[in-house]
Amino acid sequence: MKIQFIVNDYLLAWNLLFRPSISEDIQKLKERLWKNYSKDYMKLEKENVEILKYTSDFIPDDDTIYNFIFESEEFKLAKKQTEKYRKFLMRIWDSHQKEIQKELNDLLRFKVENNYQIMVIHPYFDNVELLKKNPKKNIVWGKKEDTEDGLKAIMRILFTVVKYELNDYQINNKEIVNAIADLLVTNEIYTRITGITKYREGIKKLKVLKKQLYPYWLMYQGADKEEMVSFMMRDQMPFDIDKYPVEKGLRKLDLKGFIDFCCDNQKYILRLNELNK
């Protein structure tokens, strides 16, 4: 798996035109363009889909609005800021990608053939977008919170990539799939990279489900009873270990096999009445 971070001028321009304005100057620019070229402006409303499909090969039917945007000082400033943000994300990824790839391979246990382009937009757009059926595997990315913690930002991107890889898998059990993806990236890989437990991180609405899956998640990683106690103490994820006989077969599965196991056995895995929420 390869991850590239790029800035696409057309995509950035489209977001400047159709997302909430990131500055007063951008708002004034949009108002000028709307006043003078409203029909041309509206023709571009759904063009982001085409940009995501074709990226560097995208050719607009009409360059009028784009040319005005590209020549403006407002666009040049936004692009400069976006490039700075792209380089920040790329630097963090480059610093950690070898260990991330190693841990990802260890936990996925199947090869990821896809290469992903992270199409970076200005972080003030605070938006993530992807086309699930797009063969180019492009993910639009711009999040305000990323600059507060670069490694956490990379974990969010990796989680999105793993969800993309599992997009068509067990579609009737999406909550379980998402919970396992969250355990894999946000909790386990993040913990391994930092050396500090991150099992309090992740999607809040999946907290209870992840707690239910956690003992089996440890078995999937190959933990015996003694190791499960150590992990449980490390992660502050208590459970009654005597009620969970070790399923040794889980350590031989890949992630999709583990997802199948959890989905097939969810009636006894999801012990709601035994959890201390």
C-alpha atoms as a PDB file:
ATOM      1  CA  MET A   1       0.000   0.000   0.000  1.00  0.00           C
ATOM      2  CA  LYS A   2       1.217   3.453  -0.895  1.00  0.00           C
ATOM      3  CA  ILE A   3      -0.193   6.745   0.309  1.00  0.00           C
ATOM      4  CA  GLN A   4       0.496   9.975  -1.573  1.00  0.00           C
ATOM      5  CA  PHE A   5      -0.413  13.477  -0.475  1.00  0.00           C
ATOM      6  CA  ILE A   6      -1.271  15.844  -3.328  1.00  0.00           C
ATOM      7  CA  VAL A   7      -2.887  19.227  -3.888  1.00  0.00           C
ATOM      8  CA  ASN A   8      -5.127  19.450  -6.931  1.00  0.00           C
ATOM      9  CA  ASP A   9      -5.784  23.026  -8.067  1.00  0.00           C
ATOM     10  CA  TYR A  10      -9.217  22.275  -9.500  1.00  0.00           C
ATOM     11  CA  LEU A  11     -10.362  20.499  -6.361  1.00  0.00           C
ATOM     12  CA  LEU A  12      -9.067  23.293  -4.135  1.00  0.00           C
ATOM     13  CA  ALA A  13     -10.793  25.878  -6.345  1.00  0.00           C
ATOM     14  CA  TRP A  14     -14.061  23.906  -6.277  1.00  0.00           C
ATOM     15  CA  ASN A  15     -13.991  23.779  -2.485  1.00  0.00           C
ATOM     16  CA  LEU A  16     -13.297  27.506  -2.312  1.00  0.00           C
ATOM     17  CA  LEU A  17     -16.337  28.079  -4.507  1.00  0.00           C
ATOM     18  CA  PHE A  18     -18.823  25.708  -2.855  1.00  0.00           C
ATOM     19  CA  ARG A  19     -17.753  25.103   0.735  1.00  0.00           C
ATOM     20  CA  PRO A  20     -18.280  27.656   3.533  1.00  0.00           C
ATOM     21  CA  SER A  21     -15.800  30.506   3.091  1.00  0.00           C
ATOM     22  CA  ILE A  22     -12.525  30.135   4.977  1.00  0.00           C
ATOM     23  CA  SER A  23     -11.916  33.914   5.049  1.00  0.00           C
ATOM     24  CA  GLU A  24     -13.645  37.215   4.362  1.00  0.00           C
ATOM     25  CA  ASP A  25     -11.516  37.710   1.243  1.00  0.00           C
ATOM     26  CA  ILE A  26     -12.643  34.373  -0.172  1.00  0.00           C
ATOM     27  CA  GLN A  27     -16.261  35.294   0.548  1.00  0.00           C
ATOM     28  CA  LYS A  28     -15.865  38.581  -1.339  1.00  0.00           C
ATOM     29  CA  LEU A  29     -14.246  36.756  -4.258  1.00  0.00           C
ATOM     30  CA  LYS A  30     -17.167  34.324  -4.429  1.00  0.00           C
ATOM     31  CA  GLU A  31     -19.650  37.184  -4.338  1.00  0.00           C
ATOM     32  CA  ARG A  32     -17.883  38.930  -7.241  1.00  0.00           C
ATOM     33  CA  LEU A  33     -17.859  35.768  -9.317  1.00  0.00           C
ATOM     34  CA  TRP A  34     -21.498  35.056  -8.543  1.00  0.00           C
ATOM     35  CA  LYS A  35     -22.537  38.592  -9.467  1.00  0.00           C
ATOM     36  CA  ASN A  36     -20.772  38.503 -12.839  1.00  0.00           C
ATOM     37  CA  TYR A  37     -20.880  34.813 -13.808  1.00  0.00           C
ATOM     38  CA  SER A  38     -23.739  33.176 -11.896  1.00  0.00           C
ATOM     39  CA  LYS A  39     -24.699  30.761 -14.703  1.00  0.00           C
ATOM     40  CA  ASP A  40     -21.108  29.612 -15.202  1.00  0.00           C
ATOM     41  CA  TYR A  41     -20.713  29.366 -11.440  1.00  0.00           C
ATOM     42  CA  MET A  42     -23.686  27.024 -10.995  1.00  0.00           C
ATOM     43  CA  LYS A  43     -22.558  24.757 -13.822  1.00  0.00           C
ATOM     44  CA  LEU A  44     -19.643  23.711 -11.624  1.00  0.00           C
ATOM     45  CA  GLU A  45     -21.768  22.622  -8.668  1.00  0.00           C
ATOM     46  CA  LYS A  46     -21.275  18.866  -9.146  1.00  0.00           C
ATOM     47  CA  GLU A  47     -17.915  18.969 -10.874  1.00  0.00           C
ATOM     48  CA  ASN A  48     -16.061  17.773  -7.766  1.00  0.00           C
ATOM     49  CA  VAL A  49     -17.172  14.224  -8.631  1.00  0.00           C
ATOM     50  CA  GLU A  50     -15.444  14.452 -12.016  1.00  0.00           C
ATOM     51  CA  ILE A  51     -12.319  15.928 -10.440  1.00  0.00           C
ATOM     52  CA  LEU A  52     -12.133  13.005  -8.004  1.00  0.00           C
ATOM     53  CA  LYS A  53     -12.593  10.518 -10.838  1.00  0.00           C
ATOM     54  CA  TYR A  54      -9.926  11.940 -13.123  1.00  0.00           C
ATOM     55  CA  THR A  55      -7.629  14.003 -10.815  1.00  0.00           C
ATOM     56  CA  SER A  56      -4.620  15.125 -12.905  1.00  0.00           C
ATOM     57  CA  ASP A  57      -6.441  14.155 -16.127  1.00  0.00           C
ATOM     58  CA  PHE A  58      -9.457  16.310 -15.353  1.00  0.00           C
ATOM     59  CA  ILE A  59     -10.290  18.874 -18.056  1.00  0.00           C
ATOM     60  CA  PRO A  60     -13.237  21.219 -17.368  1.00  0.00           C
ATOM     61  CA  ASP A  61     -15.788  21.941 -20.071  1.00  0.00           C
ATOM     62  CA  ASP A  62     -15.460  25.650 -19.311  1.00  0.00           C
ATOM     63  CA  ASP A  63     -12.377  27.280 -17.754  1.00  0.00           C
ATOM     64  CA  THR A  64     -13.965  30.707 -17.191  1.00  0.00           C
ATOM     65  CA  ILE A  65     -14.509  30.539 -13.432  1.00  0.00           C
ATOM     66  CA  TYR A  66     -11.423  28.445 -12.753  1.00  0.00           C
ATOM     67  CA  ASN A  67      -9.185  30.918 -14.587  1.00  0.00           C
ATOM     68  CA  PHE A  68     -10.491  33.793 -12.485  1.00  0.00           C
ATOM     69  CA  ILE A  69      -9.929  31.768  -9.323  1.00  0.00           C
ATOM     70  CA  PHE A  70      -6.416  30.630 -10.259  1.00  0.00           C
ATOM     71  CA  GLU A  71      -5.298  34.182 -11.047  1.00  0.00           C
ATOM     72  CA  SER A  72      -6.640  35.634  -7.803  1.00  0.00           C
ATOM     73  CA  GLU A  73      -4.441  36.484  -4.832  1.00  0.00           C
ATOM     74  CA  GLU A  74      -7.007  34.800  -2.574  1.00  0.00           C
ATOM     75  CA  PHE A  75      -6.470  31.452  -4.323  1.00  0.00           C
ATOM     76  CA  LYS A  76      -2.690  31.822  -4.272  1.00  0.00           C
ATOM     77  CA  LEU A  77      -2.743  32.403  -0.513  1.00  0.00           C
ATOM     78  CA  ALA A  78      -5.116  29.462   0.091  1.00  0.00           C
ATOM     79  CA  LYS A  79      -2.923  27.212  -2.037  1.00  0.00           C
ATOM     80  CA  LYS A  80       0.211  28.276  -0.165  1.00  0.00           C
ATOM     81  CA  GLN A  81      -1.482  27.435   3.152  1.00  0.00           C
ATOM     82  CA  THR A  82      -2.764  24.133   1.765  1.00  0.00           C
ATOM     83  CA  GLU A  83       0.700  23.173   0.513  1.00  0.00           C
ATOM     84  CA  LYS A  84       2.114  23.875   3.959  1.00  0.00           C
ATOM     85  CA  TYR A  85      -0.545  21.605   5.470  1.00  0.00           C
ATOM     86  CA  ARG A  86       0.165  18.887   2.857  1.00  0.00           C
ATOM     87  CA  LYS A  87       3.893  18.956   3.658  1.00  0.00           C
ATOM     88  CA  PHE A  88       3.107  18.708   7.365  1.00  0.00           C
ATOM     89  CA  LEU A  89       1.004  15.560   6.845  1.00  0.00           C
ATOM     90  CA  MET A  90       3.529  14.065   4.424  1.00  0.00           C
ATOM     91  CA  ARG A  91       6.406  14.668   6.851  1.00  0.00           C
ATOM     92  CA  ILE A  92       4.589  12.843   9.660  1.00  0.00           C
ATOM     93  CA  TRP A  93       3.668   9.970   7.324  1.00  0.00           C
ATOM     94  CA  ASP A  94       7.235   9.651   6.011  1.00  0.00           C
ATOM     95  CA  SER A  95       8.573   9.586   9.574  1.00  0.00           C
ATOM     96  CA  HIS A  96       6.331   6.712  10.642  1.00  0.00           C
ATOM     97  CA  GLN A  97       5.298   4.855   7.518  1.00  0.00           C
ATOM     98  CA  LYS A  98       7.711   1.906   7.896  1.00  0.00           C
ATOM     99  CA  GLU A  99       6.518   1.028  11.390  1.00  0.00           C
ATOM    100  CA  ILE A 100       2.897   1.750  10.463  1.00  0.00           C
ATOM    101  CA  GLN A 101       3.142  -0.553   7.433  1.00  0.00           C
ATOM    102  CA  LYS A 102       4.749  -3.269   9.580  1.00  0.00           C
ATOM    103  CA  GLU A 103       2.008  -3.117  12.226  1.00  0.00           C
ATOM    104  CA  LEU A 104      -0.724  -2.855   9.601  1.00  0.00           C
ATOM    105  CA  ASN A 105       0.538  -5.987   7.848  1.00  0.00           C
ATOM    106  CA  ASP A 106       0.751  -7.804  11.182  1.00  0.00           C
ATOM    107  CA  LEU A 107      -2.866  -6.991  12.042  1.00  0.00           C
ATOM    108  CA  LEU A 108      -4.533  -7.147   8.621  1.00  0.00           C
ATOM    109  CA  ARG A 109      -2.781 -10.342   7.496  1.00  0.00           C
ATOM    110  CA  PHE A 110      -3.757  -9.720   3.905  1.00  0.00           C
ATOM    111  CA  LYS A 111      -2.010  -7.613   1.303  1.00  0.00           C
ATOM    112  CA  VAL A 112      -3.412  -4.208   0.434  1.00  0.00           C
ATOM    113  CA  GLU A 113      -2.954  -3.773  -3.315  1.00  0.00           C
ATOM    114  CA  ASN A 114      -4.496  -0.325  -3.603  1.00  0.00           C
ATOM    115  CA  ASN A 115      -2.549   2.929  -3.707  1.00  0.00           C
ATOM    116  CA  TYR A 116      -4.259   5.912  -2.126  1.00  0.00           C
ATOM    117  CA  GLN A 117      -4.096   9.567  -3.054  1.00  0.00           C
ATOM    118  CA  ILE A 118      -4.900  11.898  -0.185  1.00  0.00           C
ATOM    119  CA  MET A 119      -6.145  14.983  -1.998  1.00  0.00           C
ATOM    120  CA  VAL A 120      -5.337  17.658   0.514  1.00  0.00           C
ATOM    121  CA  ILE A 121      -7.580  20.707   0.789  1.00  0.00           C
ATOM    122  CA  HIS A 122      -7.323  23.642   3.180  1.00  0.00           C
ATOM    123  CA  PRO A 123      -7.755  22.396   6.785  1.00  0.00           C
ATOM    124  CA  TYR A 124     -10.339  25.123   7.475  1.00  0.00           C
ATOM    125  CA  PHE A 125     -12.795  23.294   5.216  1.00  0.00           C
ATOM    126  CA  ASP A 126     -12.868  20.631   7.936  1.00  0.00           C
ATOM    127  CA  ASN A 127     -14.049  18.021   5.472  1.00  0.00           C
ATOM    128  CA  VAL A 128     -13.335  14.405   4.473  1.00  0.00           C
ATOM    129  CA  GLU A 129     -14.842  12.976   1.314  1.00  0.00           C
ATOM    130  CA  LEU A 130     -14.403   9.897  -0.860  1.00  0.00           C
ATOM    131  CA  LEU A 131     -16.074   8.141  -3.762  1.00  0.00           C
ATOM    132  CA  LYS A 132     -16.575   4.542  -2.634  1.00  0.00           C
ATOM    133  CA  LYS A 133     -16.691   3.151  -6.171  1.00  0.00           C
ATOM    134  CA  ASN A 134     -13.809   5.244  -7.496  1.00  0.00           C
ATOM    135  CA  PRO A 135     -11.005   3.001  -8.875  1.00  0.00           C
ATOM    136  CA  LYS A 136      -8.443   5.752  -8.246  1.00  0.00           C
ATOM    137  CA  LYS A 137      -8.917   5.504  -4.449  1.00  0.00           C
ATOM    138  CA  ASN A 138      -8.879   9.253  -3.899  1.00  0.00           C
ATOM    139  CA  ILE A 139      -9.689  10.659  -0.477  1.00  0.00           C
ATOM    140  CA  VAL A 140     -10.329  14.382  -0.004  1.00  0.00           C
ATOM    141  CA  TRP A 141      -8.801  15.484   3.278  1.00  0.00           C
ATOM    142  CA  GLY A 142      -8.811  18.728   5.245  1.00  0.00           C
ATOM    143  CA  LYS A 143      -9.268  18.743   9.036  1.00  0.00           C
ATOM    144  CA  LYS A 144      -8.753  21.648  11.430  1.00  0.00           C
ATOM    145  CA  GLU A 145      -7.666  19.424  14.294  1.00  0.00           C
ATOM    146  CA  ASP A 146      -4.840  17.777  12.340  1.00  0.00           C
ATOM    147  CA  THR A 147      -2.261  20.453  13.096  1.00  0.00           C
ATOM    148  CA  GLU A 148      -2.699  19.859  16.852  1.00  0.00           C
ATOM    149  CA  ASP A 149      -1.326  16.311  16.637  1.00  0.00           C
ATOM    150  CA  GLY A 150       0.236  15.141  13.384  1.00  0.00           C
ATOM    151  CA  LEU A 151       0.460  11.449  14.282  1.00  0.00           C
ATOM    152  CA  LYS A 152      -3.166  11.392  15.376  1.00  0.00           C
ATOM    153  CA  ALA A 153      -4.042  12.951  12.012  1.00  0.00           C
ATOM    154  CA  ILE A 154      -2.216  10.130  10.228  1.00  0.00           C
ATOM    155  CA  MET A 155      -4.135   7.589  12.320  1.00  0.00           C
ATOM    156  CA  ARG A 156      -7.412   9.205  11.217  1.00  0.00           C
ATOM    157  CA  ILE A 157      -6.287   8.968   7.588  1.00  0.00           C
ATOM    158  CA  LEU A 158      -5.216   5.335   8.051  1.00  0.00           C
ATOM    159  CA  PHE A 159      -8.560   4.496   9.659  1.00  0.00           C
ATOM    160  CA  THR A 160     -10.316   5.973   6.608  1.00  0.00           C
ATOM    161  CA  VAL A 161      -8.110   3.874   4.313  1.00  0.00           C
ATOM    162  CA  VAL A 162      -8.839   0.658   6.254  1.00  0.00           C
ATOM    163  CA  LYS A 163     -12.585   1.425   6.161  1.00  0.00           C
ATOM    164  CA  TYR A 164     -12.234   1.936   2.396  1.00  0.00           C
ATOM    165  CA  GLU A 165     -10.579  -1.494   2.099  1.00  0.00           C
ATOM    166  CA  LEU A 166     -13.475  -3.059   4.029  1.00  0.00           C
ATOM    167  CA  ASN A 167     -16.178  -1.032   2.298  1.00  0.00           C
ATOM    168  CA  ASP A 168     -17.972  -3.960   0.658  1.00  0.00           C
ATOM    169  CA  TYR A 169     -17.320  -6.457   3.444  1.00  0.00           C
ATOM    170  CA  GLN A 170     -20.121  -7.696   5.733  1.00  0.00           C
ATOM    171  CA  ILE A 171     -22.345  -4.820   4.605  1.00  0.00           C
ATOM    172  CA  ASN A 172     -25.150  -5.971   6.906  1.00  0.00           C
ATOM    173  CA  ASN A 173     -22.868  -5.682   9.938  1.00  0.00           C
ATOM    174  CA  LYS A 174     -21.242  -2.309   9.310  1.00  0.00           C
ATOM    175  CA  GLU A 175     -21.074  -1.345  12.989  1.00  0.00           C
ATOM    176  CA  ILE A 176     -19.022  -4.435  13.797  1.00  0.00           C
ATOM    177  CA  VAL A 177     -16.752  -3.803  10.790  1.00  0.00           C
ATOM    178  CA  ASN A 178     -16.218  -0.164  11.803  1.00  0.00           C
ATOM    179  CA  ALA A 179     -15.601  -1.114  15.437  1.00  0.00           C
ATOM    180  CA  ILE A 180     -12.922  -3.624  14.410  1.00  0.00           C
ATOM    181  CA  ALA A 181     -11.303  -1.073  12.073  1.00  0.00           C
ATOM    182  CA  ASP A 182     -11.264   1.379  14.991  1.00  0.00           C
ATOM    183  CA  LEU A 183      -9.693  -1.247  17.285  1.00  0.00           C
ATOM    184  CA  LEU A 184      -7.079  -1.996  14.648  1.00  0.00           C
ATOM    185  CA  VAL A 185      -5.972   1.532  13.776  1.00  0.00           C
ATOM    186  CA  THR A 186      -7.084   4.039  16.396  1.00  0.00           C
ATOM    187  CA  ASN A 187      -6.402   1.746  19.321  1.00  0.00           C
ATOM    188  CA  GLU A 188      -3.825  -0.972  18.562  1.00  0.00           C
ATOM    189  CA  ILE A 189      -1.588   0.526  15.864  1.00  0.00           C
ATOM    190  CA  TYR A 190      -1.641   3.925  17.576  1.00  0.00           C
ATOM    191  CA  THR A 191      -0.689   2.207  20.856  1.00  0.00           C
ATOM    192  CA  ARG A 192       2.154   0.255  19.244  1.00  0.00           C
ATOM    193  CA  ILE A 193       3.584   3.341  17.540  1.00  0.00           C
ATOM    194  CA  THR A 194       3.498   5.567  20.620  1.00  0.00           C
ATOM    195  CA  GLY A 195       4.101   2.966  23.321  1.00  0.00           C
ATOM    196  CA  ILE A 196       1.169   4.436  25.269  1.00  0.00           C
ATOM    197  CA  THR A 197      -2.279   2.836  25.346  1.00  0.00           C
ATOM    198  CA  LYS A 198      -4.776   4.562  23.070  1.00  0.00           C
ATOM    199  CA  TYR A 199      -7.749   2.362  23.907  1.00  0.00           C
ATOM    200  CA  ARG A 200      -9.670   5.367  25.235  1.00  0.00           C
ATOM    201  CA  GLU A 201      -9.516   6.923  21.759  1.00  0.00           C
ATOM    202  CA  GLY A 202     -11.898   6.350  18.887  1.00  0.00           C
ATOM    203  CA  ILE A 203     -15.503   6.684  17.810  1.00  0.00           C
ATOM    204  CA  LYS A 204     -17.660   7.337  20.886  1.00  0.00           C
ATOM    205  CA  LYS A 205     -20.782   5.623  19.604  1.00  0.00           C
ATOM    206  CA  LEU A 206     -18.774   2.399  19.124  1.00  0.00           C
ATOM    207  CA  LYS A 207     -17.346   2.404  22.660  1.00  0.00           C
ATOM    208  CA  VAL A 208     -19.656  -0.284  24.073  1.00  0.00           C
ATOM    209  CA  LEU A 209     -19.373  -2.486  20.992  1.00  0.00           C
ATOM    210  CA  LYS A 210     -15.582  -2.279  21.060  1.00  0.00           C
ATOM    211  CA  LYS A 211     -15.566  -3.268  24.733  1.00  0.00           C
ATOM    212  CA  GLN A 212     -17.573  -6.359  23.844  1.00  0.00           C
ATOM    213  CA  LEU A 213     -15.216  -7.277  21.014  1.00  0.00           C
ATOM    214  CA  TYR A 214     -12.043  -6.513  22.961  1.00  0.00           C
ATOM    215  CA  PRO A 215     -11.407  -9.986  24.533  1.00  0.00           C
ATOM    216  CA  TYR A 216     -11.699 -11.615  21.093  1.00  0.00           C
ATOM    217  CA  TRP A 217      -9.546  -8.886  19.582  1.00  0.00           C
ATOM    218  CA  LEU A 218      -6.783  -9.891  22.029  1.00  0.00           C
ATOM    219  CA  MET A 219      -7.234 -13.557  21.051  1.00  0.00           C
ATOM    220  CA  TYR A 220      -6.948 -12.553  17.378  1.00  0.00           C
ATOM    221  CA  GLN A 221      -3.580 -10.993  18.215  1.00  0.00           C
ATOM    222  CA  GLY A 222      -2.498 -14.323  19.705  1.00  0.00           C
ATOM    223  CA  ALA A 223      -2.748 -13.483  23.413  1.00  0.00           C
ATOM    224  CA  ASP A 224      -3.068 -16.337  25.925  1.00  0.00           C
ATOM    225  CA  LYS A 225      -4.848 -15.874  29.262  1.00  0.00           C
ATOM    226  CA  GLU A 226      -1.828 -14.420  31.046  1.00  0.00           C
ATOM    227  CA  GLU A 227      -1.156 -11.961  28.220  1.00  0.00           C
ATOM    228  CA  MET A 228      -4.821 -11.005  28.104  1.00  0.00           C
ATOM    229  CA  VAL A 229      -4.600  -9.929  31.743  1.00  0.00           C
ATOM    230  CA  SER A 230      -1.545  -7.770  30.960  1.00  0.00           C
ATOM    231  CA  PHE A 231      -3.271  -6.143  27.970  1.00  0.00           C
ATOM    232  CA  MET A 232      -6.458  -5.632  29.963  1.00  0.00           C
ATOM    233  CA  MET A 233      -4.510  -3.799  32.678  1.00  0.00           C
ATOM    234  CA  ARG A 234      -2.516  -1.785  30.145  1.00  0.00           C
ATOM    235  CA  ASP A 235      -5.590  -0.659  28.243  1.00  0.00           C
ATOM    236  CA  GLN A 236      -7.866  -0.253  31.264  1.00  0.00           C
ATOM    237  CA  MET A 237     -10.463  -2.424  29.544  1.00  0.00           C
ATOM    238  CA  PRO A 238     -11.611  -4.770  32.352  1.00  0.00           C
ATOM    239  CA  PHE A 239     -13.577  -7.945  31.699  1.00  0.00           C
ATOM    240  CA  ASP A 240     -14.115 -11.235  33.537  1.00  0.00           C
ATOM    241  CA  ILE A 241     -11.437 -13.336  31.893  1.00  0.00           C
ATOM    242  CA  ASP A 242     -12.882 -16.614  33.225  1.00  0.00           C
ATOM    243  CA  LYS A 243     -15.976 -16.088  31.085  1.00  0.00           C
ATOM    244  CA  TYR A 244     -13.891 -15.998  27.885  1.00  0.00           C
ATOM    245  CA  PRO A 245     -12.303 -19.318  26.903  1.00  0.00           C
ATOM    246  CA  VAL A 246      -9.393 -18.638  24.560  1.00  0.00           C
ATOM    247  CA  GLU A 247     -10.344 -19.188  20.917  1.00  0.00           C
ATOM    248  CA  LYS A 248      -6.903 -20.227  19.647  1.00  0.00           C
ATOM    249  CA  GLY A 249      -8.131 -20.464  16.076  1.00  0.00           C
ATOM    250  CA  LEU A 250      -8.545 -16.686  15.899  1.00  0.00           C
ATOM    251  CA  ARG A 251      -4.790 -16.104  15.779  1.00  0.00           C
ATOM    252  CA  LYS A 252      -4.678 -18.015  12.480  1.00  0.00           C
ATOM    253  CA  LEU A 253      -7.266 -15.835  10.727  1.00  0.00           C
ATOM    254  CA  ASP A 254      -6.806 -12.671   8.717  1.00  0.00           C
ATOM    255  CA  LEU A 255      -8.843  -9.579   9.562  1.00  0.00           C
ATOM    256  CA  LYS A 256     -11.718 -10.517   7.285  1.00  0.00           C
ATOM    257  CA  GLY A 257     -11.860 -13.947   8.869  1.00  0.00           C
ATOM    258  CA  PHE A 258     -11.944 -12.315  12.294  1.00  0.00           C
ATOM    259  CA  ILE A 259     -14.766 -10.018  11.167  1.00  0.00           C
ATOM    260  CA  ASP A 260     -16.676 -13.076   9.926  1.00  0.00           C
ATOM    261  CA  PHE A 261     -16.184 -14.787  13.288  1.00  0.00           C
ATOM    262  CA  CYS A 262     -17.501 -11.754  15.185  1.00  0.00           C
ATOM    263  CA  CYS A 263     -20.490 -11.356  12.879  1.00  0.00           C
ATOM    264  CA  ASP A 264     -21.351 -15.063  12.941  1.00  0.00           C
ATOM    265  CA  ASN A 265     -21.079 -15.242  16.737  1.00  0.00           C
ATOM    266  CA  GLN A 266     -22.427 -11.845  17.688  1.00  0.00           C
ATOM    267  CA  LYS A 267     -25.294 -13.332  19.738  1.00  0.00           C
ATOM    268  CA  TYR A 268     -22.915 -14.518  22.419  1.00  0.00           C
ATOM    269  CA  ILE A 269     -20.162 -11.922  21.881  1.00  0.00           C
ATOM    270  CA  LEU A 270     -22.495  -8.988  22.528  1.00  0.00           C
ATOM    271  CA  ARG A 271     -23.079  -9.527  26.254  1.00  0.00           C
ATOM    272  CA  LEU A 272     -24.752  -6.234  27.009  1.00  0.00           C
ATOM    273  CA  ASN A 273     -25.986  -7.216  30.468  1.00  0.00           C
ATOM    274  CA  GLU A 274     -22.485  -8.184  31.603  1.00  0.00           C
ATOM    275  CA  LEU A 275     -20.740  -4.962  30.685  1.00  0.00           C
ATOM    276  CA  ASN A 276     -19.791  -2.209  33.082  1.00  0.00           C
ATOM    277  CA  LYS A 277     -20.480   0.800  30.905  1.00  0.00           C
END
